[in-house]
C-alpha cells in the first residue's frame, strides 16, 4: 500500500474498493484527465463530450477497443452479459430518453463512469434510483 500512487487512493475511496485492486494505471490516468469534462450532445473533445463519444475514447485509449459512435450501435455490436457478470471495462446501457439512449463504462463495486447531461464526466452507481430504473443491460466489447 505504501507504494501506491495517490490516484489509486483517490479512486479506491470513490469506488469503495481496496487500494491494491485499483491497479489499471491507464484507466486511472484517463479518468483523472477527463473527470468533470462538460457534457455536450454530439461533442467529442475535452471542451464537451457526450456519453457514446466518451465510451469510444475511453475504450480506445485504455483497452485498444474501437466502438461504433452511438449508444444503440454499441449495444447492438457487442456481446451481451448479465449484470452479475460485470467486470471493469464492460459497457452499461440505459433508457434515459427512449430506447438505448445512454452508455457508460463499468469500473467496480457497482460504479460506472459516463458523460452525463446533468454534470459531465462523472462516476455514478448502478443502484442510484435514477439509473436503477433505467438500466437496460450490459455488453462486453473485448
N, C-alpha and C. Protein backbone atom coordinates (compact mmCIF):
# COMPACT_ATOMS: atom_id res chain seq x y z
N UNK A 1 0.82 -1.19 0.00
CA UNK A 1 0.00 0.00 0.00
C UNK A 1 0.87 1.26 0.00
N UNK A 2 1.98 1.23 0.75
CA UNK A 2 2.81 2.42 0.84
C UNK A 2 3.42 2.81 -0.50
N UNK A 3 3.46 1.89 -1.46
CA UNK A 3 4.00 2.19 -2.79
C UNK A 3 2.91 2.62 -3.77
N UNK A 4 1.68 2.73 -3.31
CA UNK A 4 0.57 3.09 -4.19
C UNK A 4 0.62 4.57 -4.55
N UNK A 5 0.16 4.86 -5.75
CA UNK A 5 0.08 6.23 -6.25
C UNK A 5 -1.12 6.93 -5.60
N UNK A 6 -1.02 8.24 -5.35
CA UNK A 6 -2.15 8.96 -4.73
C UNK A 6 -3.48 8.78 -5.49
N UNK A 7 -3.41 8.66 -6.82
CA UNK A 7 -4.65 8.46 -7.59
C UNK A 7 -5.30 7.11 -7.28
N UNK A 8 -4.47 6.11 -6.94
CA UNK A 8 -5.04 4.82 -6.54
C UNK A 8 -5.88 4.98 -5.28
N UNK A 9 -5.39 5.76 -4.34
CA UNK A 9 -6.14 6.01 -3.10
C UNK A 9 -7.43 6.76 -3.41
N UNK A 10 -7.31 7.79 -4.24
CA UNK A 10 -8.49 8.60 -4.59
C UNK A 10 -9.59 7.72 -5.17
N UNK A 11 -9.26 6.92 -6.18
CA UNK A 11 -10.29 6.11 -6.84
C UNK A 11 -10.70 4.91 -6.01
N UNK A 12 -9.83 4.42 -5.15
CA UNK A 12 -10.22 3.36 -4.21
C UNK A 12 -11.33 3.87 -3.29
N UNK A 13 -11.19 5.09 -2.83
CA UNK A 13 -12.21 5.69 -1.96
C UNK A 13 -13.51 5.90 -2.73
N UNK A 14 -13.42 6.49 -3.92
CA UNK A 14 -14.61 6.74 -4.74
C UNK A 14 -15.35 5.44 -5.06
N UNK A 15 -14.59 4.39 -5.38
CA UNK A 15 -15.19 3.12 -5.80
C UNK A 15 -15.49 2.19 -4.63
N UNK A 16 -15.02 2.54 -3.44
CA UNK A 16 -15.24 1.67 -2.29
C UNK A 16 -14.51 0.36 -2.41
N UNK A 17 -13.32 0.41 -2.95
CA UNK A 17 -12.51 -0.79 -3.19
C UNK A 17 -11.19 -0.69 -2.42
N UNK A 18 -10.53 -1.82 -2.25
CA UNK A 18 -9.20 -1.84 -1.63
C UNK A 18 -8.20 -1.19 -2.59
N UNK A 19 -7.26 -0.44 -2.05
CA UNK A 19 -6.28 0.27 -2.86
C UNK A 19 -5.55 -0.68 -3.80
N UNK A 20 -5.21 -1.86 -3.32
CA UNK A 20 -4.45 -2.82 -4.11
C UNK A 20 -5.19 -3.27 -5.37
N UNK A 21 -6.52 -3.17 -5.36
CA UNK A 21 -7.29 -3.62 -6.52
C UNK A 21 -7.40 -2.55 -7.60
N UNK A 22 -7.02 -1.33 -7.29
CA UNK A 22 -7.07 -0.22 -8.25
C UNK A 22 -5.69 -0.15 -8.91
N UNK A 23 -5.51 -0.97 -9.94
CA UNK A 23 -4.16 -1.10 -10.49
C UNK A 23 -4.07 -0.92 -12.00
N UNK A 24 -5.14 -0.44 -12.64
CA UNK A 24 -5.08 -0.17 -14.08
C UNK A 24 -4.66 1.29 -14.26
N UNK A 25 -3.36 1.51 -14.39
CA UNK A 25 -2.82 2.87 -14.46
C UNK A 25 -3.40 3.66 -15.64
N UNK A 26 -3.58 3.01 -16.78
CA UNK A 26 -4.16 3.70 -17.94
C UNK A 26 -5.55 4.21 -17.63
N UNK A 27 -6.36 3.37 -16.98
CA UNK A 27 -7.73 3.76 -16.64
C UNK A 27 -7.74 4.88 -15.60
N UNK A 28 -6.92 4.74 -14.57
CA UNK A 28 -6.86 5.77 -13.51
C UNK A 28 -6.47 7.12 -14.10
N UNK A 29 -5.44 7.13 -14.92
CA UNK A 29 -4.98 8.38 -15.52
C UNK A 29 -6.02 8.96 -16.47
N UNK A 30 -6.68 8.09 -17.24
CA UNK A 30 -7.73 8.55 -18.15
C UNK A 30 -8.87 9.20 -17.37
N UNK A 31 -9.32 8.54 -16.31
CA UNK A 31 -10.42 9.09 -15.51
C UNK A 31 -10.03 10.44 -14.93
N UNK A 32 -8.83 10.54 -14.42
CA UNK A 32 -8.38 11.79 -13.81
C UNK A 32 -8.33 12.91 -14.85
N UNK A 33 -7.89 12.57 -16.05
CA UNK A 33 -7.75 13.55 -17.13
C UNK A 33 -9.12 14.06 -17.62
N UNK A 34 -10.13 13.17 -17.66
CA UNK A 34 -11.43 13.51 -18.25
C UNK A 34 -12.49 13.88 -17.21
N UNK A 35 -12.27 13.54 -15.94
CA UNK A 35 -13.29 13.77 -14.91
C UNK A 35 -13.72 15.23 -14.89
N UNK A 36 -15.02 15.47 -14.94
CA UNK A 36 -15.54 16.83 -14.90
C UNK A 36 -15.67 17.50 -16.26
N UNK A 37 -15.22 16.83 -17.33
CA UNK A 37 -15.40 17.40 -18.67
C UNK A 37 -16.89 17.66 -18.90
N UNK A 38 -17.26 18.82 -19.40
CA UNK A 38 -18.68 19.12 -19.59
C UNK A 38 -19.34 18.20 -20.62
N UNK A 39 -20.64 18.01 -20.44
CA UNK A 39 -21.43 17.25 -21.41
C UNK A 39 -21.81 18.17 -22.56
N UNK A 40 -21.70 17.63 -23.77
CA UNK A 40 -22.19 18.35 -24.95
C UNK A 40 -22.69 17.31 -25.93
N UNK A 41 -23.97 17.36 -26.25
CA UNK A 41 -24.53 16.41 -27.22
C UNK A 41 -23.79 16.55 -28.54
N UNK A 42 -23.29 15.44 -29.06
CA UNK A 42 -22.53 15.44 -30.30
C UNK A 42 -21.07 15.80 -30.12
N UNK A 43 -20.68 16.20 -28.90
CA UNK A 43 -19.30 16.59 -28.65
C UNK A 43 -18.38 15.39 -28.51
N UNK A 44 -17.11 15.61 -28.83
CA UNK A 44 -16.15 14.51 -28.70
C UNK A 44 -14.76 15.00 -28.29
N UNK A 45 -14.74 16.14 -27.58
CA UNK A 45 -13.46 16.68 -27.10
C UNK A 45 -13.59 17.04 -25.61
N UNK A 46 -12.47 17.49 -25.03
CA UNK A 46 -12.48 17.89 -23.62
C UNK A 46 -13.23 19.20 -23.40
N UNK A 47 -13.60 19.87 -24.47
CA UNK A 47 -14.44 21.07 -24.33
C UNK A 47 -15.89 20.66 -24.10
N UNK A 48 -16.25 19.46 -24.50
CA UNK A 48 -17.60 18.93 -24.34
C UNK A 48 -17.72 17.59 -25.04
N UNK A 49 -18.32 16.63 -24.35
CA UNK A 49 -18.40 15.27 -24.90
C UNK A 49 -19.73 14.64 -24.51
N UNK A 50 -20.26 13.79 -25.37
CA UNK A 50 -21.47 13.07 -24.99
C UNK A 50 -21.12 11.65 -24.57
N UNK A 51 -22.12 10.91 -24.11
CA UNK A 51 -21.86 9.62 -23.48
C UNK A 51 -21.20 8.61 -24.40
N UNK A 52 -21.69 8.50 -25.63
CA UNK A 52 -21.15 7.47 -26.52
C UNK A 52 -19.76 7.84 -27.05
N UNK A 53 -19.51 9.14 -27.27
CA UNK A 53 -18.17 9.56 -27.65
C UNK A 53 -17.19 9.29 -26.51
N UNK A 54 -17.66 9.53 -25.27
CA UNK A 54 -16.80 9.27 -24.12
C UNK A 54 -16.42 7.79 -24.03
N UNK A 55 -17.40 6.89 -24.22
CA UNK A 55 -17.07 5.46 -24.16
C UNK A 55 -16.14 5.09 -25.30
N UNK A 56 -16.32 5.70 -26.48
CA UNK A 56 -15.41 5.43 -27.61
C UNK A 56 -13.98 5.79 -27.26
N UNK A 57 -13.79 7.00 -26.71
CA UNK A 57 -12.45 7.48 -26.39
C UNK A 57 -11.84 6.64 -25.27
N UNK A 58 -12.62 6.36 -24.21
CA UNK A 58 -12.11 5.57 -23.09
C UNK A 58 -11.70 4.17 -23.56
N UNK A 59 -12.58 3.50 -24.28
CA UNK A 59 -12.29 2.13 -24.69
C UNK A 59 -11.09 2.06 -25.62
N UNK A 60 -10.95 3.04 -26.52
CA UNK A 60 -9.82 3.06 -27.43
C UNK A 60 -8.52 3.35 -26.67
N UNK A 61 -8.54 4.36 -25.82
CA UNK A 61 -7.34 4.78 -25.09
C UNK A 61 -6.88 3.74 -24.08
N UNK A 62 -7.82 3.20 -23.30
CA UNK A 62 -7.46 2.32 -22.19
C UNK A 62 -7.32 0.86 -22.62
N UNK A 63 -8.22 0.40 -23.49
CA UNK A 63 -8.26 -1.02 -23.83
C UNK A 63 -7.91 -1.33 -25.29
N UNK A 64 -7.73 -0.32 -26.12
CA UNK A 64 -7.43 -0.55 -27.53
C UNK A 64 -8.60 -1.13 -28.30
N UNK A 65 -9.83 -0.83 -27.86
CA UNK A 65 -11.03 -1.36 -28.49
C UNK A 65 -11.74 -0.22 -29.22
N UNK A 66 -12.07 -0.45 -30.49
CA UNK A 66 -12.80 0.54 -31.28
C UNK A 66 -14.29 0.24 -31.21
N UNK A 67 -15.06 1.24 -30.83
CA UNK A 67 -16.52 1.10 -30.72
C UNK A 67 -17.21 1.94 -31.79
N UNK A 68 -18.42 1.54 -32.18
CA UNK A 68 -19.22 2.42 -33.04
C UNK A 68 -19.61 3.69 -32.26
N UNK A 69 -20.08 4.71 -32.94
CA UNK A 69 -20.26 6.03 -32.33
C UNK A 69 -21.47 6.17 -31.42
N UNK A 70 -22.57 5.47 -31.66
CA UNK A 70 -23.78 5.72 -30.86
C UNK A 70 -23.99 4.64 -29.80
N UNK A 71 -24.71 5.01 -28.74
CA UNK A 71 -25.01 4.06 -27.67
C UNK A 71 -25.75 2.84 -28.21
N UNK A 72 -26.73 3.07 -29.08
CA UNK A 72 -27.52 1.96 -29.64
C UNK A 72 -26.63 1.02 -30.45
N UNK A 73 -25.75 1.56 -31.27
CA UNK A 73 -24.88 0.69 -32.08
C UNK A 73 -23.83 0.00 -31.20
N UNK A 74 -23.42 0.65 -30.10
CA UNK A 74 -22.50 -0.01 -29.16
C UNK A 74 -23.20 -1.19 -28.50
N UNK A 75 -24.46 -1.01 -28.16
CA UNK A 75 -25.24 -2.09 -27.54
C UNK A 75 -25.42 -3.25 -28.53
N UNK A 76 -25.77 -2.91 -29.75
CA UNK A 76 -26.08 -3.95 -30.75
C UNK A 76 -24.86 -4.69 -31.26
N UNK A 77 -23.68 -4.09 -31.18
CA UNK A 77 -22.50 -4.70 -31.80
C UNK A 77 -21.59 -5.45 -30.82
N UNK A 78 -21.99 -5.52 -29.55
CA UNK A 78 -21.14 -6.18 -28.56
C UNK A 78 -21.87 -7.32 -27.86
N UNK A 79 -21.11 -8.19 -27.21
CA UNK A 79 -21.65 -9.38 -26.56
C UNK A 79 -22.40 -9.03 -25.28
N UNK A 80 -23.67 -9.36 -25.22
CA UNK A 80 -24.48 -9.07 -24.03
C UNK A 80 -24.01 -9.94 -22.86
N UNK A 81 -24.00 -9.34 -21.69
CA UNK A 81 -23.63 -10.08 -20.47
C UNK A 81 -24.65 -9.76 -19.38
N UNK A 82 -24.68 -10.62 -18.36
CA UNK A 82 -25.58 -10.40 -17.23
C UNK A 82 -24.96 -9.37 -16.28
N UNK A 83 -25.82 -8.66 -15.59
CA UNK A 83 -25.37 -7.64 -14.63
C UNK A 83 -24.43 -8.26 -13.59
N UNK A 84 -24.72 -9.48 -13.19
CA UNK A 84 -23.90 -10.18 -12.19
C UNK A 84 -22.49 -10.47 -12.69
N UNK A 85 -22.30 -10.44 -14.01
CA UNK A 85 -21.01 -10.78 -14.60
C UNK A 85 -20.18 -9.56 -14.99
N UNK A 86 -20.63 -8.37 -14.62
CA UNK A 86 -19.91 -7.15 -14.98
C UNK A 86 -18.48 -7.14 -14.44
N UNK A 87 -17.56 -6.71 -15.32
CA UNK A 87 -16.16 -6.53 -14.97
C UNK A 87 -15.70 -5.17 -15.47
N UNK A 88 -14.60 -4.70 -14.92
CA UNK A 88 -14.03 -3.44 -15.38
C UNK A 88 -13.95 -3.42 -16.90
N UNK A 89 -14.40 -2.33 -17.50
CA UNK A 89 -14.33 -2.16 -18.94
C UNK A 89 -15.56 -2.59 -19.70
N UNK A 90 -16.54 -3.19 -19.02
CA UNK A 90 -17.79 -3.56 -19.68
C UNK A 90 -18.65 -2.31 -19.87
N UNK A 91 -19.51 -2.35 -20.85
CA UNK A 91 -20.40 -1.24 -21.15
C UNK A 91 -21.74 -1.45 -20.47
N UNK A 92 -22.30 -0.38 -19.90
CA UNK A 92 -23.63 -0.45 -19.28
C UNK A 92 -24.54 0.54 -20.00
N UNK A 93 -25.78 0.11 -20.25
CA UNK A 93 -26.71 0.87 -21.09
C UNK A 93 -27.99 1.20 -20.35
N UNK A 94 -28.56 2.36 -20.72
CA UNK A 94 -29.74 2.88 -20.05
C UNK A 94 -30.73 3.48 -21.04
N UNK A 95 -31.99 3.51 -20.64
CA UNK A 95 -33.05 4.19 -21.38
C UNK A 95 -33.35 5.48 -20.63
N UNK A 96 -32.78 6.59 -21.13
CA UNK A 96 -33.00 7.88 -20.47
C UNK A 96 -33.96 8.77 -21.26
N UNK A 97 -34.04 8.55 -22.57
CA UNK A 97 -34.93 9.38 -23.40
C UNK A 97 -35.70 8.54 -24.40
N UNK A 98 -35.70 7.24 -24.22
CA UNK A 98 -36.38 6.35 -25.16
C UNK A 98 -35.39 5.40 -25.81
N UNK A 99 -35.60 4.12 -25.62
CA UNK A 99 -34.68 3.12 -26.17
C UNK A 99 -33.32 3.20 -25.51
N UNK A 100 -32.33 2.72 -26.21
CA UNK A 100 -30.96 2.76 -25.68
C UNK A 100 -30.42 4.15 -25.95
N UNK A 101 -30.35 4.96 -24.90
CA UNK A 101 -30.02 6.37 -25.09
C UNK A 101 -28.86 6.85 -24.22
N UNK A 102 -28.29 5.98 -23.40
CA UNK A 102 -27.17 6.38 -22.56
C UNK A 102 -26.27 5.17 -22.32
N UNK A 103 -24.95 5.43 -22.26
CA UNK A 103 -23.97 4.36 -22.06
C UNK A 103 -22.85 4.86 -21.16
N UNK A 104 -22.31 3.94 -20.37
CA UNK A 104 -21.16 4.23 -19.53
C UNK A 104 -20.25 3.02 -19.50
N UNK A 105 -19.14 3.14 -18.81
CA UNK A 105 -18.17 2.04 -18.69
C UNK A 105 -18.10 1.63 -17.23
N UNK A 106 -18.31 0.33 -17.00
CA UNK A 106 -18.29 -0.22 -15.64
C UNK A 106 -16.87 -0.17 -15.08
N UNK A 107 -16.77 0.17 -13.79
CA UNK A 107 -15.48 0.24 -13.12
C UNK A 107 -15.32 -0.89 -12.10
N UNK A 108 -16.07 -0.83 -11.03
CA UNK A 108 -16.00 -1.83 -9.97
C UNK A 108 -17.07 -1.50 -8.94
N UNK A 109 -17.44 -2.48 -8.13
CA UNK A 109 -18.31 -2.24 -6.98
C UNK A 109 -19.58 -1.47 -7.35
N UNK A 110 -20.17 -1.84 -8.49
CA UNK A 110 -21.43 -1.25 -8.96
C UNK A 110 -21.30 0.16 -9.50
N UNK A 111 -20.08 0.67 -9.64
CA UNK A 111 -19.84 2.03 -10.11
C UNK A 111 -19.46 2.02 -11.60
N UNK A 112 -19.85 3.09 -12.29
CA UNK A 112 -19.50 3.25 -13.70
C UNK A 112 -19.18 4.71 -13.97
N UNK A 113 -18.39 4.94 -15.00
CA UNK A 113 -18.03 6.29 -15.41
C UNK A 113 -18.75 6.60 -16.71
N UNK A 114 -19.23 7.83 -16.83
CA UNK A 114 -20.01 8.20 -18.00
C UNK A 114 -20.03 9.71 -18.14
N UNK A 115 -20.45 10.18 -19.32
CA UNK A 115 -20.66 11.60 -19.56
C UNK A 115 -22.15 11.85 -19.43
N UNK A 116 -22.53 12.52 -18.36
CA UNK A 116 -23.94 12.75 -18.05
C UNK A 116 -24.36 14.17 -18.41
N UNK A 117 -25.54 14.29 -18.99
CA UNK A 117 -26.08 15.61 -19.32
C UNK A 117 -26.19 16.48 -18.07
N UNK A 118 -26.37 15.83 -16.92
CA UNK A 118 -26.57 16.57 -15.67
C UNK A 118 -25.28 17.06 -15.02
N UNK A 119 -24.13 16.62 -15.50
CA UNK A 119 -22.91 17.05 -14.82
C UNK A 119 -21.61 16.70 -15.49
N UNK A 120 -21.65 16.27 -16.74
CA UNK A 120 -20.42 15.94 -17.44
C UNK A 120 -19.87 14.58 -17.04
N UNK A 121 -18.58 14.40 -17.21
CA UNK A 121 -17.95 13.10 -16.92
C UNK A 121 -17.90 12.92 -15.41
N UNK A 122 -18.52 11.82 -14.96
CA UNK A 122 -18.64 11.55 -13.53
C UNK A 122 -18.73 10.05 -13.30
N UNK A 123 -18.63 9.68 -12.04
CA UNK A 123 -18.82 8.28 -11.63
C UNK A 123 -20.15 8.20 -10.90
N UNK A 124 -20.96 7.22 -11.29
CA UNK A 124 -22.27 7.00 -10.65
C UNK A 124 -22.39 5.55 -10.24
N UNK A 125 -23.46 5.26 -9.51
CA UNK A 125 -23.72 3.91 -9.01
C UNK A 125 -24.93 3.33 -9.74
N UNK A 126 -24.81 2.07 -10.17
CA UNK A 126 -25.92 1.41 -10.86
C UNK A 126 -27.17 1.32 -9.98
N UNK A 127 -26.99 1.37 -8.65
CA UNK A 127 -28.15 1.29 -7.76
C UNK A 127 -28.75 2.65 -7.42
N UNK A 128 -28.17 3.74 -7.94
CA UNK A 128 -28.83 5.04 -7.77
C UNK A 128 -30.22 4.91 -8.36
N UNK A 129 -31.21 5.47 -7.70
CA UNK A 129 -32.61 5.32 -8.13
C UNK A 129 -32.79 5.66 -9.61
N UNK A 130 -32.17 6.74 -10.06
CA UNK A 130 -32.31 7.17 -11.45
C UNK A 130 -31.84 6.09 -12.42
N UNK A 131 -30.65 5.56 -12.18
CA UNK A 131 -30.08 4.58 -13.10
C UNK A 131 -30.69 3.20 -12.92
N UNK A 132 -31.04 2.85 -11.72
CA UNK A 132 -31.60 1.52 -11.45
C UNK A 132 -32.87 1.28 -12.28
N UNK A 133 -33.74 2.29 -12.35
CA UNK A 133 -34.99 2.08 -13.07
C UNK A 133 -34.83 2.27 -14.59
N UNK A 134 -33.68 2.78 -15.03
CA UNK A 134 -33.45 3.00 -16.45
C UNK A 134 -32.44 2.02 -17.07
N UNK A 135 -31.88 1.14 -16.25
CA UNK A 135 -30.88 0.17 -16.72
C UNK A 135 -31.50 -0.77 -17.75
N UNK A 136 -30.84 -0.95 -18.87
CA UNK A 136 -31.31 -1.85 -19.94
C UNK A 136 -30.49 -3.14 -19.98
N UNK A 137 -29.18 -3.00 -19.86
CA UNK A 137 -28.32 -4.17 -19.97
C UNK A 137 -26.86 -3.80 -20.06
N UNK A 138 -26.04 -4.82 -20.27
CA UNK A 138 -24.60 -4.64 -20.33
C UNK A 138 -24.03 -5.45 -21.48
N UNK A 139 -22.85 -5.05 -21.93
CA UNK A 139 -22.17 -5.74 -23.02
C UNK A 139 -20.68 -5.70 -22.80
N UNK A 140 -20.01 -6.70 -23.33
CA UNK A 140 -18.55 -6.78 -23.25
C UNK A 140 -17.98 -6.55 -24.65
N UNK A 141 -17.09 -5.58 -24.75
CA UNK A 141 -16.55 -5.20 -26.05
C UNK A 141 -15.20 -5.83 -26.35
N UNK A 142 -14.63 -6.51 -25.38
CA UNK A 142 -13.30 -7.08 -25.61
C UNK A 142 -13.25 -8.54 -25.24
